[in-house]
């Protein structure tokens, strides 16, 4: 049986859509008629294996949904339920039609005789390469339930870490936007109405007031043009960043620049160590695990570095030596990996290294945010003070002339 997405209408004309399993579109239409529905369209669930474009690679799934589905599958597999029933049960519990659709699509491939990993390969937008390789290793070793639990833990921890960093950056980001908006409003609206009183007197204005008037006039005349230019610059940078050569140069700069390298290297090292740890524990060979771990790193320059490291490991170099030669991984992580290789506990040391890097990254982000907030407040206070002084100075000059 295969999974089909359908759209139908009831006898009263109400629209309804969902996912249903059947032998053919004709069978689905018959099942809908039995339910009192008139089929408008019946299409098979997209299988990315036959689609060349990544935009047609089937529905995606959020990290939270992936962690939940993985945990449910692990629980049901541990209960010795057949795999096709596991997928059907998890799909039935899903609230999103797209998630239900892709789970039933995986189930249809499993019913055709494919492994679970092969079934998931049809939906790379929902199941990343690391995920599928780990599942394949678990199926091969006969420990699918344990591997699914490991994947659920890993996915949940990754989502929690991402949320912590996002929440830490939310307040400074809003504070910065509010500061820019307030200052822009003062310069573009308030200042012109106030200072035009002084310009009518014909007296010489203080340099600070004259400069403020010049800035205000510039924003009134070219503010929209400046905003449009910034938007075009952002779009141009985004377009250029999609090109491999430019993207590699930018990512290399982020990795090596003094102010960004600690955060950039910390993020990539944590993702690398955590992914390689779970792959190693699942029985994936080290060289293959390195290639997969490189693919999940957000920095493309660091991906290139890990690909070169994988080649050195394949030639016989130890993982510690290969990582050390790259010069772009935190020393503490290297020492833990060296200890793991000497003691034969590389998997556990990689896991500890990933957690240590994540804790270090969170502490670093907290420090940066803690420093950033007062800096923004002080900068905004300085700008407002400058505006107030620029308005008060002509008033003081007028009082002196009158006196």
Protein backbone atom coordinates (compact mmCIF):
# COMPACT_ATOMS: atom_id res chain seq x y z
CA UNK A 1 0.00 0.00 0.00
CA UNK A 2 1.07 3.56 -0.70
CA UNK A 3 0.28 6.91 0.91
CA UNK A 4 -1.72 9.54 -0.96
CA UNK A 5 -2.51 13.19 -0.26
CA UNK A 6 -6.13 13.95 -1.05
CA UNK A 7 -8.41 16.95 -1.28
CA UNK A 8 -12.15 16.38 -1.14
CA UNK A 9 -15.44 18.14 -0.48
CA UNK A 10 -18.40 17.05 1.61
CA UNK A 11 -21.99 17.00 0.41
CA UNK A 12 -22.44 20.47 1.93
CA UNK A 13 -19.45 21.83 -0.01
CA UNK A 14 -16.96 21.98 2.87
CA UNK A 15 -13.36 21.31 1.87
CA UNK A 16 -11.31 18.58 3.49
CA UNK A 17 -7.79 17.35 2.92
CA UNK A 18 -5.53 14.75 4.47
CA UNK A 19 -3.49 11.62 3.93
CA UNK A 20 -4.79 8.13 3.28
CA UNK A 21 -3.23 4.79 2.45
CA UNK A 22 -4.43 2.73 -0.47
CA UNK A 23 -3.40 0.58 -3.39
CA UNK A 24 -4.00 3.24 -6.05
CA UNK A 25 -5.58 6.66 -6.58
CA UNK A 26 -8.73 4.88 -7.72
CA UNK A 27 -8.82 2.94 -4.47
CA UNK A 28 -8.46 6.18 -2.49
CA UNK A 29 -11.34 7.76 -4.41
CA UNK A 30 -13.50 4.75 -3.58
CA UNK A 31 -12.58 4.98 0.11
CA UNK A 32 -13.49 8.66 0.09
CA UNK A 33 -16.83 7.93 -1.57
CA UNK A 34 -17.52 5.38 1.17
CA UNK A 35 -17.03 8.18 3.68
CA UNK A 36 -19.44 10.47 1.85
CA UNK A 37 -16.69 12.61 0.32
CA UNK A 38 -16.15 13.66 -3.27
CA UNK A 39 -12.48 13.52 -4.27
CA UNK A 40 -11.09 16.64 -5.94
CA UNK A 41 -7.47 15.50 -6.23
CA UNK A 42 -5.51 12.44 -5.17
CA UNK A 43 -1.72 12.51 -5.46
CA UNK A 44 0.95 10.13 -4.17
CA UNK A 45 3.16 11.37 -1.35
CA UNK A 46 6.28 12.96 -2.87
CA UNK A 47 9.29 10.69 -3.00
CA UNK A 48 12.48 12.75 -3.23
CA UNK A 49 14.35 9.86 -4.74
CA UNK A 50 12.92 10.72 -8.13
CA UNK A 51 13.06 14.49 -7.76
CA UNK A 52 16.22 16.31 -8.79
CA UNK A 53 15.34 19.62 -7.14
CA UNK A 54 15.76 20.07 -3.44
CA UNK A 55 12.64 22.24 -3.42
CA UNK A 56 10.61 19.20 -4.48
CA UNK A 57 12.19 16.89 -1.90
CA UNK A 58 9.02 16.39 0.05
CA UNK A 59 7.70 18.02 3.22
CA UNK A 60 10.04 19.08 5.97
CA UNK A 61 9.89 18.65 9.71
CA UNK A 62 10.95 20.93 12.54
CA UNK A 63 13.60 19.81 15.01
CA UNK A 64 10.99 19.59 17.76
CA UNK A 65 8.71 17.41 15.61
CA UNK A 66 11.62 15.21 14.59
CA UNK A 67 12.61 14.68 18.25
CA UNK A 68 9.02 13.83 19.21
CA UNK A 69 8.54 11.37 16.34
CA UNK A 70 11.90 9.74 17.08
CA UNK A 71 11.03 9.31 20.75
CA UNK A 72 7.66 7.78 19.87
CA UNK A 73 9.25 5.40 17.37
CA UNK A 74 11.88 4.33 19.92
CA UNK A 75 9.20 3.58 22.52
CA UNK A 76 7.09 1.52 20.12
CA UNK A 77 10.09 -0.36 18.68
CA UNK A 78 11.12 -1.27 22.24
CA UNK A 79 7.60 -2.69 22.69
CA UNK A 80 8.40 -5.13 19.82
CA UNK A 81 5.80 -3.68 17.44
CA UNK A 82 6.37 -4.31 13.72
CA UNK A 83 8.01 -1.36 12.01
CA UNK A 84 5.12 -0.63 9.65
CA UNK A 85 2.73 -0.50 12.63
CA UNK A 86 5.12 1.79 14.47
CA UNK A 87 5.14 4.26 11.59
CA UNK A 88 1.36 4.08 11.24
CA UNK A 89 0.87 4.74 14.97
CA UNK A 90 3.28 7.68 15.02
CA UNK A 91 1.64 9.13 11.90
CA UNK A 92 -1.80 8.83 13.52
CA UNK A 93 -0.59 10.84 16.54
CA UNK A 94 0.87 13.64 14.43
CA UNK A 95 -1.09 16.90 14.38
CA UNK A 96 0.46 18.30 11.18
CA UNK A 97 -0.81 16.81 7.91
CA UNK A 98 2.63 17.24 6.28
CA UNK A 99 4.34 15.24 9.02
CA UNK A 100 1.68 12.55 8.80
CA UNK A 101 2.11 12.50 5.03
CA UNK A 102 5.86 11.92 5.12
CA UNK A 103 5.61 9.26 7.85
CA UNK A 104 3.07 7.35 5.80
CA UNK A 105 5.33 7.83 2.78
CA UNK A 106 8.17 6.18 4.70
CA UNK A 107 5.80 3.41 5.77
CA UNK A 108 4.78 2.72 2.18
CA UNK A 109 8.46 2.23 1.23
CA UNK A 110 8.98 -0.06 4.22
CA UNK A 111 6.00 -2.14 3.09
CA UNK A 112 7.68 -2.43 -0.32
CA UNK A 113 10.66 -4.10 1.35
CA UNK A 114 12.99 -1.16 1.96
CA UNK A 115 14.76 -0.61 5.26
CA UNK A 116 13.68 2.24 7.51
CA UNK A 117 16.79 4.24 6.58
CA UNK A 118 16.10 3.75 2.86
CA UNK A 119 12.51 4.80 3.39
CA UNK A 120 13.65 7.96 5.14
CA UNK A 121 16.10 8.68 2.31
CA UNK A 122 13.09 9.63 0.19
CA UNK A 123 12.55 12.65 2.45
CA UNK A 124 15.93 14.35 3.04
CA UNK A 125 14.24 17.61 4.08
CA UNK A 126 12.82 15.82 7.11
CA UNK A 127 15.53 13.25 7.88
CA UNK A 128 19.11 14.58 7.54
CA UNK A 129 21.97 12.39 6.33
CA UNK A 130 23.35 12.00 9.85
CA UNK A 131 19.97 10.80 11.06
CA UNK A 132 19.56 8.28 8.24
CA UNK A 133 23.11 6.93 8.58
CA UNK A 134 22.61 6.40 12.31
CA UNK A 135 19.33 4.58 11.72
CA UNK A 136 20.99 2.42 9.06
CA UNK A 137 23.77 1.49 11.49
CA UNK A 138 21.21 0.65 14.16
CA UNK A 139 19.25 -1.57 11.79
CA UNK A 140 22.43 -3.33 10.69
CA UNK A 141 23.51 -3.98 14.29
CA UNK A 142 20.04 -4.98 15.47
CA UNK A 143 19.81 -2.16 18.04
CA UNK A 144 17.31 0.13 16.35
CA UNK A 145 15.48 0.97 19.59
CA UNK A 146 18.70 2.07 21.33
CA UNK A 147 19.80 4.11 18.33
CA UNK A 148 16.41 5.85 18.08
CA UNK A 149 16.60 6.76 21.77
CA UNK A 150 20.10 8.17 21.20
CA UNK A 151 18.83 10.18 18.23
CA UNK A 152 15.90 11.51 20.25
CA UNK A 153 18.24 12.63 23.04
CA UNK A 154 20.63 14.23 20.57
CA UNK A 155 17.86 16.04 18.69
CA UNK A 156 16.24 17.31 21.90
CA UNK A 157 19.56 18.55 23.29
CA UNK A 158 20.36 20.31 20.03
CA UNK A 159 16.95 22.03 20.01
CA UNK A 160 17.32 23.10 23.67
CA UNK A 161 20.76 24.56 22.98
CA UNK A 162 19.45 26.46 19.96
CA UNK A 163 16.54 27.87 21.96
CA UNK A 164 18.84 28.99 24.78
CA UNK A 165 21.04 30.94 22.38
CA UNK A 166 18.05 32.44 20.58
CA UNK A 167 16.45 33.58 23.84
CA UNK A 168 19.77 35.06 24.98
CA UNK A 169 20.03 37.09 21.78
CA UNK A 170 16.36 38.13 21.65
CA UNK A 171 16.47 40.97 24.19
CA UNK A 172 19.66 42.63 22.87
CA UNK A 173 18.29 42.43 19.34
CA UNK A 174 14.99 44.06 20.31
CA UNK A 175 16.86 46.67 22.36
CA UNK A 176 19.05 47.57 19.40
CA UNK A 177 16.09 47.88 17.02
CA UNK A 178 14.16 49.99 19.54
CA UNK A 179 17.17 52.28 20.04
CA UNK A 180 17.64 52.80 16.30
CA UNK A 181 13.91 53.47 15.84
CA UNK A 182 13.76 56.01 18.70
CA UNK A 183 16.86 57.91 17.59
CA UNK A 184 15.67 57.94 13.96
CA UNK A 185 12.28 59.30 15.06
CA UNK A 186 13.91 62.03 17.13
CA UNK A 187 16.20 63.11 14.30
CA UNK A 188 13.61 62.92 11.53
CA UNK A 189 10.50 64.30 13.31
CA UNK A 190 11.22 65.99 16.63
CA UNK A 191 14.47 67.83 15.92
CA UNK A 192 13.31 69.71 12.77
CA UNK A 193 10.23 71.12 14.55
CA UNK A 194 12.28 72.28 17.52
CA UNK A 195 15.34 73.76 15.86
CA UNK A 196 13.48 75.65 13.14
CA UNK A 197 12.57 78.18 15.83
CA UNK A 198 16.27 78.96 16.27
CA UNK A 199 16.98 79.19 12.55
CA UNK A 200 14.38 81.96 12.17
CA UNK A 201 16.28 84.21 14.57
CA UNK A 202 19.18 84.50 12.14
CA UNK A 203 21.75 84.07 14.89
CA UNK A 204 24.74 81.80 14.47
CA UNK A 205 23.96 78.34 15.80
CA UNK A 206 26.42 76.32 17.91
CA UNK A 207 28.39 73.75 15.87
CA UNK A 208 26.65 70.90 17.70
CA UNK A 209 23.21 72.23 16.77
CA UNK A 210 24.26 72.88 13.17
CA UNK A 211 25.60 69.36 12.87
CA UNK A 212 22.39 67.91 14.31
CA UNK A 213 20.32 69.90 11.81
CA UNK A 214 22.51 68.59 8.97
CA UNK A 215 22.02 64.99 10.12
CA UNK A 216 18.27 65.55 10.47
CA UNK A 217 18.02 67.06 6.98
CA UNK A 218 20.01 64.17 5.54
CA UNK A 219 17.66 61.60 7.12
CA UNK A 220 14.59 63.47 5.90
CA UNK A 221 15.90 63.68 2.35
CA UNK A 222 17.72 60.39 1.97
CA UNK A 223 16.39 58.20 4.80
CA UNK A 224 14.22 56.06 2.55
CA UNK A 225 17.00 55.82 0.00
CA UNK A 226 19.41 54.72 2.73
CA UNK A 227 16.96 52.09 3.95
CA UNK A 228 16.46 50.84 0.39
CA UNK A 229 20.22 50.73 -0.12
CA UNK A 230 20.66 48.67 3.04
CA UNK A 231 17.96 46.23 1.89
CA UNK A 232 19.56 45.91 -1.54
CA UNK A 233 22.94 45.38 0.09
CA UNK A 234 21.50 42.63 2.26
CA UNK A 235 19.84 40.95 -0.72
CA UNK A 236 23.05 41.24 -2.73
CA UNK A 237 25.10 39.71 0.06
CA UNK A 238 22.58 36.87 0.46
CA UNK A 239 22.70 36.19 -3.27
CA UNK A 240 26.51 36.22 -3.31
CA UNK A 241 26.66 34.00 -0.23
CA UNK A 242 24.90 31.25 -2.16
CA UNK A 243 27.94 31.02 -4.44
CA UNK A 244 30.42 28.45 -3.06
CA UNK A 245 33.55 30.58 -3.56
CA UNK A 246 32.23 33.70 -1.83
CA UNK A 247 30.57 31.65 0.92
CA UNK A 248 33.83 29.85 1.62
CA UNK A 249 35.70 33.15 1.97
CA UNK A 250 33.09 34.62 4.32
CA UNK A 251 33.01 31.48 6.47
CA UNK A 252 36.80 31.44 6.63
CA UNK A 253 36.79 35.07 7.76
CA UNK A 254 34.23 34.24 10.49
CA UNK A 255 36.40 31.32 11.60
CA UNK A 256 39.65 33.32 11.80
CA UNK A 257 38.55 36.87 12.68
CA UNK A 258 39.49 37.70 16.25
CA UNK A 259 36.05 38.91 17.38
CA UNK A 260 34.03 36.06 15.85
CA UNK A 261 36.31 33.03 15.86
CA UNK A 262 35.54 31.83 19.39
CA UNK A 263 31.79 31.75 18.78
CA UNK A 264 32.12 30.38 15.23
CA UNK A 265 34.56 27.65 16.22
CA UNK A 266 32.57 26.82 19.34
CA UNK A 267 29.32 26.32 17.42
CA UNK A 268 30.94 24.13 14.78
CA UNK A 269 33.07 22.15 17.25
CA UNK A 270 30.03 21.37 19.41
CA UNK A 271 27.99 20.24 16.39
CA UNK A 272 30.92 18.21 15.05
CA UNK A 273 31.71 16.41 18.32
CA UNK A 274 28.06 15.68 19.15
CA UNK A 275 27.32 14.27 15.71
CA UNK A 276 30.49 12.18 15.55
CA UNK A 277 29.80 10.85 19.05
CA UNK A 278 26.36 9.49 18.24
CA UNK A 279 27.55 8.08 14.91
CA UNK A 280 30.47 6.30 16.60
CA UNK A 281 28.24 4.86 19.32
CA UNK A 282 25.87 3.60 16.63
CA UNK A 283 28.65 1.69 14.86
CA UNK A 284 29.30 4.02 11.92
CA UNK A 285 32.98 3.79 10.82
CA UNK A 286 35.09 6.79 11.85
CA UNK A 287 35.96 7.98 8.33
CA UNK A 288 32.33 7.80 7.22
CA UNK A 289 31.27 9.48 10.45
CA UNK A 290 33.68 12.35 9.81
CA UNK A 291 32.18 12.94 6.37
CA UNK A 292 28.66 12.99 7.81
CA UNK A 293 29.69 15.19 10.75
CA UNK A 294 31.21 17.67 8.29
CA UNK A 295 27.90 17.90 6.41
CA UNK A 296 25.97 19.03 9.50
CA UNK A 297 28.38 21.86 10.40
CA UNK A 298 26.95 25.31 9.52
CA UNK A 299 30.33 26.81 8.54
CA UNK A 300 31.36 25.65 5.04
CA UNK A 301 35.03 26.42 5.60
CA UNK A 302 35.01 24.18 8.68
CA UNK A 303 33.27 21.53 6.57
CA UNK A 304 36.17 21.68 4.14
CA UNK A 305 38.62 21.33 7.03
CA UNK A 306 36.85 18.23 8.37
CA UNK A 307 36.75 16.69 4.89
CA UNK A 308 40.54 17.09 4.72
CA UNK A 309 40.81 15.61 8.23
CA UNK A 310 38.77 12.60 7.09
CA UNK A 311 41.29 12.04 4.29
CA UNK A 312 44.20 12.14 6.75
CA UNK A 313 42.46 9.72 9.13
CA UNK A 314 41.83 7.38 6.22
CA UNK A 315 45.58 7.44 5.49
CA UNK A 316 46.33 6.37 9.07
CA UNK A 317 46.70 9.64 11.01
CA UNK A 318 45.06 9.71 14.43
CA UNK A 319 41.97 11.87 14.83
CA UNK A 320 43.70 14.03 17.44
CA UNK A 321 46.71 14.72 15.18
CA UNK A 322 44.53 15.49 12.17
CA UNK A 323 42.36 17.91 14.15
CA UNK A 324 45.40 19.53 15.77
CA UNK A 325 47.04 20.13 12.38
CA UNK A 326 44.01 22.07 11.19
CA UNK A 327 44.52 24.57 14.02
CA UNK A 328 40.84 25.51 14.18
CA UNK A 329 39.44 23.33 16.95
CA UNK A 330 39.43 24.30 20.66
CA UNK A 331 42.43 22.90 22.61
CA UNK A 332 40.27 21.40 25.39
CA UNK A 333 38.31 19.40 22.84
CA UNK A 334 41.56 18.14 21.28
CA UNK A 335 42.90 17.00 24.65
CA UNK A 336 39.68 15.12 25.42
CA UNK A 337 39.76 13.41 22.01
CA UNK A 338 43.42 12.45 22.53
CA UNK A 339 42.53 10.99 25.92
CA UNK A 340 39.64 9.06 24.37
CA UNK A 341 41.84 7.59 21.65
CA UNK A 342 44.48 6.47 24.18
CA UNK A 343 41.92 4.89 26.52
CA UNK A 344 39.73 3.37 23.80
CA UNK A 345 36.73 5.45 24.89
CA UNK A 346 36.57 7.87 22.00
CA UNK A 347 32.75 7.81 21.80
CA UNK A 348 32.21 8.88 25.42
CA UNK A 349 34.97 11.51 25.24
CA UNK A 350 33.45 12.97 22.08
CA UNK A 351 30.13 13.23 23.90
CA UNK A 352 31.79 14.95 26.86
CA UNK A 353 33.67 17.26 24.49
CA UNK A 354 30.41 18.22 22.77
CA UNK A 355 28.74 19.03 26.09
CA UNK A 356 31.80 20.96 27.29
CA UNK A 357 31.87 23.00 24.09
CA UNK A 358 28.15 23.70 24.36
CA UNK A 359 28.53 24.91 27.95
CA UNK A 360 31.50 27.08 26.96
CA UNK A 361 29.53 28.52 24.04
CA UNK A 362 26.52 29.31 26.23
CA UNK A 363 28.76 31.00 28.80
CA UNK A 364 30.46 33.03 26.05
CA UNK A 365 27.13 34.11 24.57
CA UNK A 366 25.89 35.09 28.04
CA UNK A 367 29.04 37.18 28.57
CA UNK A 368 28.75 38.90 25.20
CA UNK A 369 25.06 39.61 25.79
CA UNK A 370 25.80 40.87 29.30
CA UNK A 371 28.31 43.34 27.89
CA UNK A 372 26.23 44.26 24.86
CA UNK A 373 23.16 45.44 26.78
CA UNK A 374 24.89 48.21 28.80
CA UNK A 375 26.87 49.26 25.72
CA UNK A 376 23.65 49.76 23.75
CA UNK A 377 22.04 51.64 26.65
CA UNK A 378 25.09 53.87 27.08
CA UNK A 379 25.27 54.54 23.32
CA UNK A 380 21.57 55.42 23.19
CA UNK A 381 21.92 57.63 26.25
CA UNK A 382 24.87 59.40 24.62
CA UNK A 383 22.90 60.06 21.43
CA UNK A 384 19.88 61.37 23.34
CA UNK A 385 22.17 63.57 25.48
CA UNK A 386 23.75 64.97 22.31
CA UNK A 387 20.31 65.80 20.91
CA UNK A 388 19.25 67.49 24.15
CA UNK A 389 22.47 69.55 24.31
CA UNK A 390 22.08 70.56 20.67
CA UNK A 391 18.62 71.92 21.50
CA UNK A 392 19.57 73.56 24.81
CA UNK A 393 22.72 75.36 23.60
CA UNK A 394 20.84 77.87 21.35
CA UNK A 395 18.41 78.55 24.19
CA UNK A 396 21.30 79.31 26.54
CA UNK A 397 22.89 81.57 23.92
CA UNK A 398 19.62 83.46 23.49
CA UNK A 399 19.32 83.98 27.25
CA UNK A 400 22.84 85.37 27.35
CA UNK A 401 22.09 87.78 24.53
CA UNK A 402 18.92 88.96 26.24
CA UNK A 403 20.81 89.35 29.52
